[in-house]
Amino acid sequence: MTDTPIATVGDLIAALTAYDPTTPVRLATQPGYPMEHALGRVVCTPDDAEGDGTPPTDPPVVWLGAGDQVGYLPALAANALGWS
């Protein structure tokens, strides 16, 4: 576990290298009412989301989308995240 913010794709990759690649991944949300979600899609913006052929001018950002809600976040995970 690290208390260092994950700000880049490289930071995320580095944080995940300590774990077995077959380990399930979940997204913990809402510290006041902790929920557990599967990850949805991974996308990068800007792309040509408008479909008009205009070249993007903003720097790229990678987005991790929340997928289906799995349930309530287990207390053990909330404790590890410092949420309780």
Protein backbone atom coordinates (compact mmCIF):
# COMPACT_ATOMS: atom_id res chain seq x y z
CA MET A 1 0.00 0.00 0.00
CA THR A 2 1.18 3.51 -0.72
CA ASP A 3 0.06 6.93 0.47
CA THR A 4 1.57 8.51 -2.62
CA PRO A 5 -1.10 9.90 -4.95
CA ILE A 6 -1.46 8.10 -8.25
CA ALA A 7 -1.40 10.87 -10.83
CA THR A 8 -0.15 9.17 -14.00
CA VAL A 9 -0.49 5.91 -15.90
CA GLY A 10 3.10 5.15 -14.83
CA ASP A 11 2.18 5.66 -11.16
CA LEU A 12 -0.76 3.28 -11.55
CA ILE A 13 1.32 0.63 -13.30
CA ALA A 14 4.02 0.90 -10.62
CA ALA A 15 1.42 0.55 -7.84
CA LEU A 16 -0.06 -2.56 -9.46
CA THR A 17 3.22 -4.39 -10.14
CA ALA A 18 3.34 -5.64 -6.54
CA TYR A 19 0.22 -7.78 -7.09
CA ASP A 20 -0.48 -11.03 -8.91
CA PRO A 21 -1.90 -10.13 -12.36
CA THR A 22 -4.80 -12.56 -11.81
CA THR A 23 -6.00 -10.70 -8.68
CA PRO A 24 -9.48 -9.16 -9.15
CA VAL A 25 -9.62 -5.35 -9.40
CA ARG A 26 -12.34 -3.25 -7.76
CA LEU A 27 -13.00 0.46 -7.44
CA ALA A 28 -13.84 1.74 -3.95
CA THR A 29 -16.08 4.82 -3.94
CA GLN A 30 -17.91 7.10 -1.51
CA PRO A 31 -15.87 7.04 1.73
CA GLY A 32 -18.94 8.09 3.78
CA TYR A 33 -21.04 5.22 2.39
CA PRO A 34 -18.39 2.86 0.96
CA MET A 35 -19.35 0.93 -2.14
CA GLU A 36 -17.47 -1.58 -4.28
CA HIS A 37 -17.60 -1.46 -8.08
CA ALA A 38 -16.05 -3.51 -10.84
CA LEU A 39 -14.00 -1.48 -13.30
CA GLY A 40 -15.74 -0.62 -16.52
CA ARG A 41 -13.98 0.75 -19.55
CA VAL A 42 -10.62 2.45 -19.78
CA VAL A 43 -10.59 5.36 -22.22
CA CYS A 44 -8.36 8.27 -23.12
CA THR A 45 -9.48 11.79 -23.94
CA PRO A 46 -9.36 13.86 -25.91
CA ASP A 47 -9.90 11.79 -28.95
CA ASP A 48 -12.21 12.65 -31.78
CA ALA A 49 -15.24 12.10 -29.56
CA GLU A 50 -17.23 14.66 -31.53
CA GLY A 51 -16.49 12.80 -34.76
CA ASP A 52 -15.92 16.03 -36.68
CA GLY A 53 -12.24 15.44 -37.51
CA THR A 54 -11.01 18.41 -35.46
CA PRO A 55 -7.59 17.59 -34.00
CA PRO A 56 -7.56 17.58 -30.18
CA THR A 57 -5.73 20.43 -28.47
CA ASP A 58 -6.02 19.35 -24.82
CA PRO A 59 -3.46 17.02 -23.22
CA PRO A 60 -4.54 13.37 -22.99
CA VAL A 61 -6.17 12.01 -19.83
CA VAL A 62 -6.82 8.29 -19.16
CA TRP A 63 -10.17 7.57 -17.46
CA LEU A 64 -11.05 4.44 -15.45
CA GLY A 65 -14.80 4.00 -15.61
CA ALA A 66 -16.80 2.47 -12.80
CA GLY A 67 -18.57 -0.70 -13.86
CA ASP A 68 -21.35 -2.60 -12.13
CA GLN A 69 -21.83 -2.11 -8.42
CA VAL A 70 -20.65 -5.25 -6.64
CA GLY A 71 -21.94 -4.32 -3.18
CA TYR A 72 -20.84 -2.58 -0.03
CA LEU A 73 -17.11 -2.14 0.45
CA PRO A 74 -15.81 -4.66 3.01
CA ALA A 75 -14.73 -3.06 6.31
CA LEU A 76 -11.23 -4.51 5.82
CA ALA A 77 -10.87 -2.56 2.55
CA ALA A 78 -12.32 0.64 4.06
CA ASN A 79 -9.80 0.35 6.92
CA ALA A 80 -6.91 -0.19 4.48
CA LEU A 81 -7.98 2.94 2.57
CA GLY A 82 -8.12 4.94 5.82
CA TRP A 83 -11.86 5.54 5.46
CA SER A 84 -12.89 4.25 8.88
